[in-house]
Amino acid sequence: MAVDPREKIALFIDGANLYATSKAIGVDIDYRKLLTEFSNKAYLLRANYYTALVEDQEYSSIRPLIDWLDYNGYTVVTKPAKEFTDALGRRKVKGNMDIELCVDALELSPYFDHLILFSGDGDFTALVAALQRKGKRVTVVSTLTTSTPMISDDLRRQADFFLDVAELAKTVGRPQVQRPTEA
């Protein structure tokens, strides 16, 4: 087997963060086009999508997306979200996938040259720095176009490159579908 001369890349998508970012700028991400876009630029080693799921719900609005991604070239990493009641008696759901994403990125790092991180979460600044110490390049994908930035300033400064979702949406986005809101 011939070695691919192109750079090896890995896409790591913080699902909740990318969803909030794309919603804030008014676009839906076409995940098929997203894979094609990056596959055309480099050797796409892996595309991981991280999200927490509420297990006991009969129907989760994210389930069709998760199933589609799983069958169409993405490695979907999920864990059960934790439900709790806050101090004011409101039901809350917490499902943070940061640790899983970080561990996977560090474990896979010997095999890629460049990580494309879809998140603006400042908690990933330490991961980006650790990957850079290993000689990896990191692009962070988020947005600066919203009234309140969706990306941590520290994360943007640490990354080798910044790609705005608003710019990426020109090739992999589509207008948001108006869906009925859930009660």
Foldseek 3Di string as FASTA:
>chain_A
DDDDPFFEEEEEEAQVLLVVQCVLVFWDFQVLLVVVVVVVRGPYPAYEYEDEAAPPDPDDPCVVVQVVQVVRGHHYDYYHWDWDADPVRHIDTHGDCVVVSLVVCVVCLVPGQEYEYEAQDPVCLVSLVVSVVVNHAYEYEGAPPGPDGRHDPSNCVSHPYYHYVVVVCVRGIDGDDDDDDDD
